PDB file of N, CA and C in Angstrom:
ATOM      1  N   UNK A   1       0.815  -1.138  -0.058  1.00  0.00           N
ATOM      2  CA  UNK A   1       0.047   0.006   0.013  1.00  0.00           C
ATOM      3  C   UNK A   1       0.806   1.256  -0.037  1.00  0.00           C
ATOM      4  N   UNK A   2       2.031   1.190   0.744  1.00  0.00           N
ATOM      5  CA  UNK A   2       2.879   2.377   0.831  1.00  0.00           C
ATOM      6  C   UNK A   2       3.416   2.710  -0.550  1.00  0.00           C
ATOM      7  N   UNK A   3       3.699   1.668  -1.405  1.00  0.00           N
ATOM      8  CA  UNK A   3       4.232   1.970  -2.665  1.00  0.00           C
ATOM      9  C   UNK A   3       3.156   2.526  -3.685  1.00  0.00           C
ATOM     10  N   UNK A   4       1.842   2.178  -3.470  1.00  0.00           N
ATOM     11  CA  UNK A   4       0.837   2.630  -4.284  1.00  0.00           C
ATOM     12  C   UNK A   4       0.530   4.097  -4.027  1.00  0.00           C
ATOM     13  N   UNK A   5       0.680   4.585  -2.824  1.00  0.00           N
ATOM     14  CA  UNK A   5       0.309   5.988  -2.547  1.00  0.00           C
ATOM     15  C   UNK A   5       1.042   6.990  -3.373  1.00  0.00           C
ATOM     16  N   UNK A   6       2.397   6.947  -3.534  1.00  0.00           N
ATOM     17  CA  UNK A   6       3.116   7.937  -4.337  1.00  0.00           C
ATOM     18  C   UNK A   6       2.611   7.847  -5.852  1.00  0.00           C
ATOM     19  N   UNK A   7       2.256   6.632  -6.199  1.00  0.00           N
ATOM     20  CA  UNK A   7       1.827   6.499  -7.799  1.00  0.00           C
ATOM     21  C   UNK A   7       0.535   7.113  -7.852  1.00  0.00           C
ATOM     22  N   UNK A   8      -0.433   6.808  -6.922  1.00  0.00           N
ATOM     23  CA  UNK A   8      -1.708   7.428  -6.935  1.00  0.00           C
ATOM     24  C   UNK A   8      -1.707   8.916  -6.869  1.00  0.00           C
ATOM     25  N   UNK A   9      -0.902   9.473  -5.982  1.00  0.00           N
ATOM     26  CA  UNK A   9      -0.696  10.921  -5.789  1.00  0.00           C
ATOM     27  C   UNK A   9      -0.265  11.544  -7.166  1.00  0.00           C
ATOM     28  N   UNK A  10       0.735  10.915  -7.767  1.00  0.00           N
ATOM     29  CA  UNK A  10       1.225  11.418  -9.080  1.00  0.00           C
ATOM     30  C   UNK A  10       0.189  11.466 -10.155  1.00  0.00           C
ATOM     31  N   UNK A  11      -0.534  10.308 -10.182  1.00  0.00           N
ATOM     32  CA  UNK A  11      -1.711  10.278 -11.240  1.00  0.00           C
ATOM     33  C   UNK A  11      -2.709  11.235 -11.000  1.00  0.00           C
ATOM     34  N   UNK A  12      -3.126  11.467  -9.732  1.00  0.00           N
ATOM     35  CA  UNK A  12      -4.130  12.443  -9.414  1.00  0.00           C
ATOM     36  C   UNK A  12      -3.641  13.898  -9.681  1.00  0.00           C
ATOM     37  N   UNK A  13      -2.392  14.165  -9.403  1.00  0.00           N
ATOM     38  CA  UNK A  13      -1.776  15.479  -9.696  1.00  0.00           C
ATOM     39  C   UNK A  13      -1.665  15.718 -11.091  1.00  0.00           C
ATOM     40  N   UNK A  14      -1.216  14.804 -11.863  1.00  0.00           N
ATOM     41  CA  UNK A  14      -1.236  15.033 -13.291  1.00  0.00           C
ATOM     42  C   UNK A  14      -2.595  15.205 -13.924  1.00  0.00           C
ATOM     43  N   UNK A  15      -3.566  14.416 -13.413  1.00  0.00           N
ATOM     44  CA  UNK A  15      -4.882  14.516 -13.906  1.00  0.00           C
ATOM     45  C   UNK A  15      -5.512  15.896 -13.721  1.00  0.00           C
ATOM     46  N   UNK A  16      -5.290  16.477 -12.533  1.00  0.00           N
ATOM     47  CA  UNK A  16      -5.846  17.826 -12.248  1.00  0.00           C
ATOM     48  C   UNK A  16      -4.984  18.864 -12.969  1.00  0.00           C
ATOM     49  N   UNK A  17      -3.761  18.788 -13.169  1.00  0.00           N
ATOM     50  CA  UNK A  17      -2.870  19.714 -13.757  1.00  0.00           C
ATOM     51  C   UNK A  17      -3.046  19.855 -15.203  1.00  0.00           C
ATOM     52  N   UNK A  18      -3.258  18.851 -15.877  1.00  0.00           N
ATOM     53  CA  UNK A  18      -3.264  18.816 -17.350  1.00  0.00           C
ATOM     54  C   UNK A  18      -4.330  19.694 -17.984  1.00  0.00           C
ATOM     55  N   UNK A  19      -5.528  19.728 -17.591  1.00  0.00           N
ATOM     56  CA  UNK A  19      -6.495  20.654 -18.258  1.00  0.00           C
ATOM     57  C   UNK A  19      -6.169  22.036 -18.099  1.00  0.00           C
ATOM     58  N   UNK A  20      -5.609  22.454 -16.959  1.00  0.00           N
ATOM     59  CA  UNK A  20      -5.267  23.832 -16.819  1.00  0.00           C
ATOM     60  C   UNK A  20      -4.156  24.249 -17.728  1.00  0.00           C
ATOM     61  N   UNK A  21      -3.137  23.406 -17.899  1.00  0.00           N
ATOM     62  CA  UNK A  21      -2.045  23.663 -18.898  1.00  0.00           C
ATOM     63  C   UNK A  21      -2.650  23.809 -20.260  1.00  0.00           C
ATOM     64  N   UNK A  22      -3.484  22.827 -20.734  1.00  0.00           N
ATOM     65  CA  UNK A  22      -4.046  22.891 -22.013  1.00  0.00           C
ATOM     66  C   UNK A  22      -4.867  24.172 -22.214  1.00  0.00           C
ATOM     67  N   UNK A  23      -5.602  24.465 -21.120  1.00  0.00           N
ATOM     68  CA  UNK A  23      -6.438  25.612 -21.227  1.00  0.00           C
ATOM     69  C   UNK A  23      -5.720  26.837 -21.441  1.00  0.00           C
ATOM     70  N   UNK A  24      -4.601  27.072 -20.789  1.00  0.00           N
ATOM     71  CA  UNK A  24      -3.736  28.261 -20.908  1.00  0.00           C
ATOM     72  C   UNK A  24      -3.191  28.377 -22.267  1.00  0.00           C
ATOM     73  N   UNK A  25      -2.820  27.089 -22.841  1.00  0.00           N
ATOM     74  CA  UNK A  25      -2.208  27.171 -24.171  1.00  0.00           C
ATOM     75  C   UNK A  25      -3.278  27.598 -25.225  1.00  0.00           C
ATOM     76  N   UNK A  26      -4.467  27.122 -25.020  1.00  0.00           N
ATOM     77  CA  UNK A  26      -5.464  27.455 -25.973  1.00  0.00           C
ATOM     78  C   UNK A  26      -5.850  28.866 -25.974  1.00  0.00           C
ATOM     79  N   UNK A  27      -5.865  29.473 -24.789  1.00  0.00           N
ATOM     80  CA  UNK A  27      -6.151  30.856 -24.567  1.00  0.00           C
ATOM     81  C   UNK A  27      -5.006  31.671 -25.133  1.00  0.00           C
ATOM     82  N   UNK A  28      -3.775  31.326 -24.811  1.00  0.00           N
ATOM     83  CA  UNK A  28      -2.659  32.180 -25.375  1.00  0.00           C
ATOM     84  C   UNK A  28      -2.583  32.021 -26.926  1.00  0.00           C
ATOM     85  N   UNK A  29      -2.852  30.917 -27.463  1.00  0.00           N
ATOM     86  CA  UNK A  29      -2.872  30.799 -28.898  1.00  0.00           C
ATOM     87  C   UNK A  29      -4.044  31.773 -29.384  1.00  0.00           C
ATOM     88  N   UNK A  30      -5.164  31.857 -28.714  1.00  0.00           N
ATOM     89  CA  UNK A  30      -6.285  32.652 -29.163  1.00  0.00           C
ATOM     90  C   UNK A  30      -5.749  34.124 -29.163  1.00  0.00           C
ATOM     91  N   UNK A  31      -5.046  34.470 -28.200  1.00  0.00           N
ATOM     92  CA  UNK A  31      -4.566  35.920 -28.136  1.00  0.00           C
ATOM     93  C   UNK A  31      -3.569  36.256 -29.336  1.00  0.00           C
ATOM     94  N   UNK A  32      -2.806  35.267 -29.613  1.00  0.00           N
ATOM     95  CA  UNK A  32      -1.896  35.401 -30.751  1.00  0.00           C
ATOM     96  C   UNK A  32      -2.643  35.609 -31.997  1.00  0.00           C
ATOM     97  N   UNK A  33      -3.700  34.851 -32.242  1.00  0.00           N
ATOM     98  CA  UNK A  33      -4.429  35.008 -33.434  1.00  0.00           C
ATOM     99  C   UNK A  33      -5.239  36.298 -33.420  1.00  0.00           C
ATOM    100  N   UNK A  34      -5.756  36.715 -32.306  1.00  0.00           N
ATOM    101  CA  UNK A  34      -6.319  38.016 -32.175  1.00  0.00           C
ATOM    102  C   UNK A  34      -5.467  39.073 -32.543  1.00  0.00           C
ATOM    103  N   UNK A  35      -4.229  39.076 -32.038  1.00  0.00           N
ATOM    104  CA  UNK A  35      -3.149  40.100 -32.386  1.00  0.00           C
ATOM    105  C   UNK A  35      -2.846  40.136 -33.884  1.00  0.00           C
ATOM    106  N   UNK A  36      -3.049  38.942 -34.565  1.00  0.00           N
ATOM    107  CA  UNK A  36      -2.862  38.886 -36.032  1.00  0.00           C
ATOM    108  C   UNK A  36      -4.134  39.276 -36.872  1.00  0.00           C
ATOM    109  N   UNK A  37      -5.201  39.672 -36.110  1.00  0.00           N
ATOM    110  CA  UNK A  37      -6.336  40.194 -36.788  1.00  0.00           C
ATOM    111  C   UNK A  37      -7.588  39.257 -36.882  1.00  0.00           C
ATOM    112  N   UNK A  38      -7.527  38.162 -36.101  1.00  0.00           N
ATOM    113  CA  UNK A  38      -8.627  37.242 -36.130  1.00  0.00           C
ATOM    114  C   UNK A  38      -9.951  37.868 -35.641  1.00  0.00           C
ATOM    115  N   UNK A  39     -11.023  37.427 -36.166  1.00  0.00           N
ATOM    116  CA  UNK A  39     -12.401  37.827 -35.766  1.00  0.00           C
ATOM    117  C   UNK A  39     -12.585  37.150 -34.355  1.00  0.00           C
ATOM    118  N   UNK A  40     -13.156  37.927 -33.368  1.00  0.00           N
ATOM    119  CA  UNK A  40     -13.322  37.316 -31.978  1.00  0.00           C
ATOM    120  C   UNK A  40     -14.834  37.229 -31.903  1.00  0.00           C
ATOM    121  N   UNK A  41     -15.166  35.869 -31.628  1.00  0.00           N
ATOM    122  CA  UNK A  41     -16.717  35.617 -31.566  1.00  0.00           C
ATOM    123  C   UNK A  41     -16.990  34.910 -30.199  1.00  0.00           C
ATOM    124  N   UNK A  42     -17.867  35.661 -29.423  1.00  0.00           N
ATOM    125  CA  UNK A  42     -18.369  35.136 -28.125  1.00  0.00           C
ATOM    126  C   UNK A  42     -19.660  34.402 -28.437  1.00  0.00           C
ATOM    127  N   UNK A  43     -19.714  33.154 -28.191  1.00  0.00           N
ATOM    128  CA  UNK A  43     -20.899  32.314 -28.484  1.00  0.00           C
ATOM    129  C   UNK A  43     -21.892  32.226 -27.264  1.00  0.00           C
ATOM    130  N   UNK A  44     -21.643  32.939 -26.191  1.00  0.00           N
ATOM    131  CA  UNK A  44     -22.609  32.878 -25.122  1.00  0.00           C
ATOM    132  C   UNK A  44     -23.951  33.625 -25.393  1.00  0.00           C
ATOM    133  N   UNK A  45     -24.837  33.621 -24.459  1.00  0.00           N
ATOM    134  CA  UNK A  45     -26.021  34.391 -24.625  1.00  0.00           C
ATOM    135  C   UNK A  45     -25.880  35.885 -24.632  1.00  0.00           C
ATOM    136  N   UNK A  46     -26.896  36.572 -25.162  1.00  0.00           N
ATOM    137  CA  UNK A  46     -26.726  38.012 -25.154  1.00  0.00           C
ATOM    138  C   UNK A  46     -26.600  38.603 -23.839  1.00  0.00           C
ATOM    139  N   UNK A  47     -27.393  37.999 -22.739  1.00  0.00           N
ATOM    140  CA  UNK A  47     -27.182  38.446 -21.393  1.00  0.00           C
ATOM    141  C   UNK A  47     -25.761  38.282 -20.838  1.00  0.00           C
ATOM    142  N   UNK A  48     -25.224  37.071 -21.115  1.00  0.00           N
ATOM    143  CA  UNK A  48     -23.888  36.855 -20.617  1.00  0.00           C
ATOM    144  C   UNK A  48     -22.857  37.826 -21.353  1.00  0.00           C
ATOM    145  N   UNK A  49     -23.061  38.099 -22.642  1.00  0.00           N
ATOM    146  CA  UNK A  49     -22.261  39.032 -23.331  1.00  0.00           C
ATOM    147  C   UNK A  49     -22.369  40.419 -22.745  1.00  0.00           C
ATOM    148  N   UNK A  50     -23.640  40.821 -22.403  1.00  0.00           N
ATOM    149  CA  UNK A  50     -23.831  42.160 -21.833  1.00  0.00           C
ATOM    150  C   UNK A  50     -23.165  42.340 -20.481  1.00  0.00           C
ATOM    151  N   UNK A  51     -23.079  41.252 -19.807  1.00  0.00           N
ATOM    152  CA  UNK A  51     -22.452  41.292 -18.527  1.00  0.00           C
ATOM    153  C   UNK A  51     -20.901  41.608 -18.461  1.00  0.00           C
ATOM    154  N   UNK A  52     -20.266  40.914 -19.515  1.00  0.00           N
ATOM    155  CA  UNK A  52     -18.813  41.120 -19.683  1.00  0.00           C
ATOM    156  C   UNK A  52     -18.419  40.399 -20.981  1.00  0.00           C
ATOM    157  N   UNK A  53     -17.501  40.933 -21.673  1.00  0.00           N
ATOM    158  CA  UNK A  53     -16.944  40.303 -22.883  1.00  0.00           C
ATOM    159  C   UNK A  53     -15.536  40.836 -23.318  1.00  0.00           C
ATOM    160  N   UNK A  54     -14.860  40.183 -24.166  1.00  0.00           N
ATOM    161  CA  UNK A  54     -13.636  40.746 -24.629  1.00  0.00           C
ATOM    162  C   UNK A  54     -13.780  41.892 -25.614  1.00  0.00           C
ATOM    163  N   UNK A  55     -12.861  42.930 -25.569  1.00  0.00           N
ATOM    164  CA  UNK A  55     -13.012  43.955 -26.366  1.00  0.00           C
ATOM    165  C   UNK A  55     -12.938  43.508 -27.879  1.00  0.00           C
ATOM    166  N   UNK A  56     -13.735  44.137 -28.700  1.00  0.00           N
ATOM    167  CA  UNK A  56     -13.793  43.853 -30.122  1.00  0.00           C
ATOM    168  C   UNK A  56     -14.490  42.605 -30.396  1.00  0.00           C
ATOM    169  N   UNK A  57     -15.028  41.916 -29.433  1.00  0.00           N
ATOM    170  CA  UNK A  57     -15.743  40.665 -29.637  1.00  0.00           C
ATOM    171  C   UNK A  57     -17.110  40.956 -30.347  1.00  0.00           C
ATOM    172  N   UNK A  58     -17.691  40.028 -31.137  1.00  0.00           N
ATOM    173  CA  UNK A  58     -19.036  40.114 -31.548  1.00  0.00           C
ATOM    174  C   UNK A  58     -19.752  38.987 -30.864  1.00  0.00           C
ATOM    175  N   UNK A  59     -21.036  39.159 -30.680  1.00  0.00           N
ATOM    176  CA  UNK A  59     -21.757  38.211 -29.921  1.00  0.00           C
ATOM    177  C   UNK A  59     -22.686  37.424 -30.972  1.00  0.00           C
ATOM    178  N   UNK A  60     -22.307  36.226 -31.168  1.00  0.00           N
ATOM    179  CA  UNK A  60     -23.140  35.361 -32.073  1.00  0.00           C
ATOM    180  C   UNK A  60     -23.461  34.095 -31.220  1.00  0.00           C
ATOM    181  N   UNK A  61     -24.499  34.160 -30.410  1.00  0.00           N
ATOM    182  CA  UNK A  61     -24.956  33.055 -29.589  1.00  0.00           C
ATOM    183  C   UNK A  61     -25.027  31.759 -30.337  1.00  0.00           C
ATOM    184  N   UNK A  62     -24.626  30.721 -29.587  1.00  0.00           N
ATOM    185  CA  UNK A  62     -24.564  29.316 -30.292  1.00  0.00           C
ATOM    186  C   UNK A  62     -25.704  28.924 -30.902  1.00  0.00           C
ATOM    187  N   UNK A  63     -26.934  29.385 -30.405  1.00  0.00           N
ATOM    188  CA  UNK A  63     -28.216  28.860 -31.024  1.00  0.00           C
ATOM    189  C   UNK A  63     -28.426  29.688 -32.297  1.00  0.00           C
ATOM    190  N   UNK A  64     -27.790  30.733 -32.590  1.00  0.00           N
ATOM    191  CA  UNK A  64     -27.972  31.509 -33.780  1.00  0.00           C
ATOM    192  C   UNK A  64     -26.774  31.580 -34.836  1.00  0.00           C
ATOM    193  N   UNK A  65     -25.917  30.532 -34.647  1.00  0.00           N
ATOM    194  CA  UNK A  65     -24.730  30.666 -35.534  1.00  0.00           C
ATOM    195  C   UNK A  65     -24.982  30.684 -36.974  1.00  0.00           C
ATOM    196  N   UNK A  66     -26.007  29.884 -37.378  1.00  0.00           N
ATOM    197  CA  UNK A  66     -26.315  29.788 -38.848  1.00  0.00           C
ATOM    198  C   UNK A  66     -26.761  31.153 -39.330  1.00  0.00           C
ATOM    199  N   UNK A  67     -27.450  31.943 -38.605  1.00  0.00           N
ATOM    200  CA  UNK A  67     -27.854  33.246 -38.974  1.00  0.00           C
ATOM    201  C   UNK A  67     -26.762  34.230 -39.097  1.00  0.00           C
ATOM    202  N   UNK A  68     -25.845  34.246 -38.172  1.00  0.00           N
ATOM    203  CA  UNK A  68     -24.701  35.185 -38.018  1.00  0.00           C
ATOM    204  C   UNK A  68     -23.620  34.912 -38.950  1.00  0.00           C
ATOM    205  N   UNK A  69     -23.299  33.622 -39.201  1.00  0.00           N
ATOM    206  CA  UNK A  69     -22.196  33.260 -40.124  1.00  0.00           C
ATOM    207  C   UNK A  69     -22.576  33.112 -41.554  1.00  0.00           C
ATOM    208  N   UNK A  70     -23.777  33.449 -41.894  1.00  0.00           N
ATOM    209  CA  UNK A  70     -24.283  33.324 -43.335  1.00  0.00           C
ATOM    210  C   UNK A  70     -23.417  34.146 -44.262  1.00  0.00           C
ATOM    211  N   UNK A  71     -22.919  35.295 -43.848  1.00  0.00           N
ATOM    212  CA  UNK A  71     -22.192  36.140 -44.702  1.00  0.00           C
ATOM    213  C   UNK A  71     -20.690  36.298 -44.249  1.00  0.00           C
ATOM    214  N   UNK A  72     -20.153  35.425 -43.510  1.00  0.00           N
ATOM    215  CA  UNK A  72     -18.779  35.518 -43.047  1.00  0.00           C
ATOM    216  C   UNK A  72     -17.962  34.594 -43.964  1.00  0.00           C
ATOM    217  N   UNK A  73     -16.786  35.116 -44.415  1.00  0.00           N
ATOM    218  CA  UNK A  73     -15.912  34.435 -45.244  1.00  0.00           C
ATOM    219  C   UNK A  73     -15.426  33.035 -44.609  1.00  0.00           C
ATOM    220  N   UNK A  74     -15.539  32.022 -45.204  1.00  0.00           N
ATOM    221  CA  UNK A  74     -15.296  30.686 -44.650  1.00  0.00           C
ATOM    222  C   UNK A  74     -13.838  30.425 -44.438  1.00  0.00           C
ATOM    223  N   UNK A  75     -13.042  31.304 -45.011  1.00  0.00           N
ATOM    224  CA  UNK A  75     -11.419  31.253 -44.843  1.00  0.00           C
ATOM    225  C   UNK A  75     -11.019  32.255 -43.742  1.00  0.00           C
ATOM    226  N   UNK A  76     -11.884  33.077 -43.186  1.00  0.00           N
ATOM    227  CA  UNK A  76     -11.481  34.183 -42.279  1.00  0.00           C
ATOM    228  C   UNK A  76     -11.010  33.358 -40.961  1.00  0.00           C
ATOM    229  N   UNK A  77     -10.009  33.985 -40.278  1.00  0.00           N
ATOM    230  CA  UNK A  77      -9.538  33.488 -39.105  1.00  0.00           C
ATOM    231  C   UNK A  77     -10.461  33.920 -37.932  1.00  0.00           C
ATOM    232  N   UNK A  78     -11.013  32.911 -37.223  1.00  0.00           N
ATOM    233  CA  UNK A  78     -12.034  33.087 -36.243  1.00  0.00           C
ATOM    234  C   UNK A  78     -11.591  32.564 -34.919  1.00  0.00           C
ATOM    235  N   UNK A  79     -11.638  33.240 -33.833  1.00  0.00           N
ATOM    236  CA  UNK A  79     -11.322  32.811 -32.474  1.00  0.00           C
ATOM    237  C   UNK A  79     -12.685  32.735 -31.793  1.00  0.00           C
ATOM    238  N   UNK A  80     -13.087  31.582 -31.250  1.00  0.00           N
ATOM    239  CA  UNK A  80     -14.293  31.421 -30.583  1.00  0.00           C
ATOM    240  C   UNK A  80     -14.007  31.345 -29.021  1.00  0.00           C
ATOM    241  N   UNK A  81     -14.974  31.861 -28.239  1.00  0.00           N
ATOM    242  CA  UNK A  81     -14.886  31.715 -26.784  1.00  0.00           C
ATOM    243  C   UNK A  81     -16.300  31.670 -26.236  1.00  0.00           C
ATOM    244  N   UNK A  82     -16.368  31.164 -25.040  1.00  0.00           N
ATOM    245  CA  UNK A  82     -17.742  31.117 -24.247  1.00  0.00           C
ATOM    246  C   UNK A  82     -17.404  31.310 -22.838  1.00  0.00           C
ATOM    247  N   UNK A  83     -18.122  30.494 -21.925  1.00  0.00           N
ATOM    248  CA  UNK A  83     -17.925  30.665 -20.497  1.00  0.00           C
ATOM    249  C   UNK A  83     -16.802  29.592 -20.040  1.00  0.00           C
ATOM    250  N   UNK A  84     -16.856  28.431 -20.584  1.00  0.00           N
ATOM    251  CA  UNK A  84     -15.961  27.355 -20.266  1.00  0.00           C
ATOM    252  C   UNK A  84     -15.139  26.760 -21.291  1.00  0.00           C
ATOM    253  N   UNK A  85     -15.551  26.926 -22.493  1.00  0.00           N
ATOM    254  CA  UNK A  85     -14.967  26.249 -23.675  1.00  0.00           C
ATOM    255  C   UNK A  85     -15.836  25.209 -24.207  1.00  0.00           C
ATOM    256  N   UNK A  86     -16.904  24.834 -23.584  1.00  0.00           N
ATOM    257  CA  UNK A  86     -17.789  23.942 -24.042  1.00  0.00           C
ATOM    258  C   UNK A  86     -18.682  24.332 -25.254  1.00  0.00           C
ATOM    259  N   UNK A  87     -19.332  25.446 -25.101  1.00  0.00           N
ATOM    260  CA  UNK A  87     -20.124  25.989 -26.219  1.00  0.00           C
ATOM    261  C   UNK A  87     -19.230  26.430 -27.391  1.00  0.00           C
ATOM    262  N   UNK A  88     -18.098  27.048 -27.154  1.00  0.00           N
ATOM    263  CA  UNK A  88     -17.215  27.359 -28.196  1.00  0.00           C
ATOM    264  C   UNK A  88     -16.672  26.085 -28.954  1.00  0.00           C
ATOM    265  N   UNK A  89     -16.528  24.993 -28.279  1.00  0.00           N
ATOM    266  CA  UNK A  89     -16.188  23.779 -28.880  1.00  0.00           C
ATOM    267  C   UNK A  89     -17.281  23.219 -29.771  1.00  0.00           C
ATOM    268  N   UNK A  90     -18.518  23.445 -29.316  1.00  0.00           N
ATOM    269  CA  UNK A  90     -19.648  22.998 -30.133  1.00  0.00           C
ATOM    270  C   UNK A  90     -19.724  23.916 -31.373  1.00  0.00           C
ATOM    271  N   UNK A  91     -19.532  25.164 -31.292  1.00  0.00           N
ATOM    272  CA  UNK A  91     -19.546  26.173 -32.346  1.00  0.00           C
ATOM    273  C   UNK A  91     -18.419  25.788 -33.304  1.00  0.00           C
ATOM    274  N   UNK A  92     -17.311  25.409 -32.740  1.00  0.00           N
ATOM    275  CA  UNK A  92     -16.085  25.027 -33.594  1.00  0.00           C
ATOM    276  C   UNK A  92     -16.545  23.817 -34.491  1.00  0.00           C
ATOM    277  N   UNK A  93     -17.116  22.867 -33.905  1.00  0.00           N
ATOM    278  CA  UNK A  93     -17.535  21.628 -34.773  1.00  0.00           C
ATOM    279  C   UNK A  93     -18.587  21.958 -35.713  1.00  0.00           C
ATOM    280  N   UNK A  94     -19.534  22.741 -35.343  1.00  0.00           N
ATOM    281  CA  UNK A  94     -20.611  23.190 -36.259  1.00  0.00           C
ATOM    282  C   UNK A  94     -20.058  23.923 -37.499  1.00  0.00           C
ATOM    283  N   UNK A  95     -19.240  24.970 -37.183  1.00  0.00           N
ATOM    284  CA  UNK A  95     -18.653  25.814 -38.219  1.00  0.00           C
ATOM    285  C   UNK A  95     -17.737  25.049 -39.129  1.00  0.00           C
ATOM    286  N   UNK A  96     -17.018  24.052 -38.563  1.00  0.00           N
ATOM    287  CA  UNK A  96     -16.097  23.239 -39.415  1.00  0.00           C
ATOM    288  C   UNK A  96     -17.021  22.417 -40.351  1.00  0.00           C
ATOM    289  N   UNK A  97     -18.163  21.860 -39.829  1.00  0.00           N
ATOM    290  CA  UNK A  97     -18.992  21.100 -40.639  1.00  0.00           C
ATOM    291  C   UNK A  97     -19.576  21.898 -41.757  1.00  0.00           C
ATOM    292  N   UNK A  98     -19.644  23.268 -41.675  1.00  0.00           N
ATOM    293  CA  UNK A  98     -20.177  24.095 -42.576  1.00  0.00           C
ATOM    294  C   UNK A  98     -19.084  24.709 -43.579  1.00  0.00           C
ATOM    295  N   UNK A  99     -17.829  24.178 -43.311  1.00  0.00           N
ATOM    296  CA  UNK A  99     -16.841  24.544 -44.335  1.00  0.00           C
ATOM    297  C   UNK A  99     -15.830  25.728 -43.881  1.00  0.00           C
ATOM    298  N   UNK A 100     -16.025  26.158 -42.674  1.00  0.00           N
ATOM    299  CA  UNK A 100     -15.033  27.098 -42.179  1.00  0.00           C
ATOM    300  C   UNK A 100     -13.704  26.460 -41.823  1.00  0.00           C
ATOM    301  N   UNK A 101     -12.610  27.028 -42.236  1.00  0.00           N
ATOM    302  CA  UNK A 101     -11.368  26.362 -42.230  1.00  0.00           C
ATOM    303  C   UNK A 101     -10.285  26.891 -41.204  1.00  0.00           C
ATOM    304  N   UNK A 102     -10.505  28.090 -40.709  1.00  0.00           N
ATOM    305  CA  UNK A 102      -9.543  28.707 -39.845  1.00  0.00           C
ATOM    306  C   UNK A 102     -10.219  29.098 -38.464  1.00  0.00           C
ATOM    307  N   UNK A 103     -10.469  28.044 -37.773  1.00  0.00           N
ATOM    308  CA  UNK A 103     -11.248  28.336 -36.444  1.00  0.00           C
ATOM    309  C   UNK A 103     -10.202  27.907 -35.298  1.00  0.00           C
ATOM    310  N   UNK A 104     -10.420  28.571 -34.162  1.00  0.00           N
ATOM    311  CA  UNK A 104      -9.698  28.241 -32.887  1.00  0.00           C
ATOM    312  C   UNK A 104     -10.633  28.408 -31.741  1.00  0.00           C
ATOM    313  N   UNK A 105     -10.750  27.374 -30.945  1.00  0.00           N
ATOM    314  CA  UNK A 105     -11.521  27.392 -29.681  1.00  0.00           C
ATOM    315  C   UNK A 105     -10.572  27.867 -28.615  1.00  0.00           C
ATOM    316  N   UNK A 106     -10.736  29.157 -28.124  1.00  0.00           N
ATOM    317  CA  UNK A 106      -9.830  29.604 -27.082  1.00  0.00           C
ATOM    318  C   UNK A 106     -10.356  29.476 -25.698  1.00  0.00           C
ATOM    319  N   UNK A 107     -11.370  28.748 -25.483  1.00  0.00           N
ATOM    320  CA  UNK A 107     -11.889  28.393 -24.149  1.00  0.00           C
ATOM    321  C   UNK A 107     -12.918  29.345 -23.675  1.00  0.00           C
ATOM    322  N   UNK A 108     -12.648  29.749 -22.352  1.00  0.00           N
ATOM    323  CA  UNK A 108     -13.651  30.431 -21.661  1.00  0.00           C
ATOM    324  C   UNK A 108     -13.167  31.937 -21.402  1.00  0.00           C
ATOM    325  N   UNK A 109     -14.089  32.872 -21.167  1.00  0.00           N
ATOM    326  CA  UNK A 109     -13.719  34.245 -20.920  1.00  0.00           C
ATOM    327  C   UNK A 109     -12.808  34.441 -19.820  1.00  0.00           C
ATOM    328  N   UNK A 110     -12.913  33.913 -18.712  1.00  0.00           N
ATOM    329  CA  UNK A 110     -12.008  33.993 -17.496  1.00  0.00           C
ATOM    330  C   UNK A 110     -10.671  33.499 -17.958  1.00  0.00           C
ATOM    331  N   UNK A 111     -10.677  32.380 -18.623  1.00  0.00           N
ATOM    332  CA  UNK A 111      -9.438  31.831 -19.026  1.00  0.00           C
ATOM    333  C   UNK A 111      -8.698  32.692 -20.030  1.00  0.00           C
ATOM    334  N   UNK A 112      -9.431  33.342 -21.007  1.00  0.00           N
ATOM    335  CA  UNK A 112      -8.780  34.308 -21.927  1.00  0.00           C
ATOM    336  C   UNK A 112      -8.269  35.515 -21.152  1.00  0.00           C
ATOM    337  N   UNK A 113      -9.079  36.058 -20.157  1.00  0.00           N
ATOM    338  CA  UNK A 113      -8.596  37.185 -19.410  1.00  0.00           C
ATOM    339  C   UNK A 113      -7.414  36.885 -18.607  1.00  0.00           C
ATOM    340  N   UNK A 114      -7.239  35.689 -18.044  1.00  0.00           N
ATOM    341  CA  UNK A 114      -6.130  35.305 -17.217  1.00  0.00           C
ATOM    342  C   UNK A 114      -4.866  35.143 -18.143  1.00  0.00           C
ATOM    343  N   UNK A 115      -5.066  34.796 -19.380  1.00  0.00           N
ATOM    344  CA  UNK A 115      -3.946  34.496 -20.239  1.00  0.00           C
ATOM    345  C   UNK A 115      -3.422  35.768 -20.870  1.00  0.00           C
ATOM    346  N   UNK A 116      -4.134  36.898 -20.843  1.00  0.00           N
ATOM    347  CA  UNK A 116      -3.803  38.141 -21.533  1.00  0.00           C
ATOM    348  C   UNK A 116      -2.652  38.744 -20.885  1.00  0.00           C
TER     349      UNK A 116
END
């Protein structure tokens, strides 16, 4: 049992640390793309957007993507974010299925603000 505890502790530590590291990387990459002129799209609700959002972001709620992206160039560089990265991940998959080629899921708003 004594030999298993350090292994278990290491596994648990790695399990909790890995998502944070990945999250920071996706947010940092999002900022790099934004600095290069990418379109910033917040896919949260209009109320969430009104409460707080990134400068220069447009609010295209997940439930209305088809309407908002109808006239967007499918080759445009687009950075997506939401509250946690879940809805922006769904938006990423949907837009990719619609032929958009330069997408990046930057995760959540707080994550993006912390990476700035």
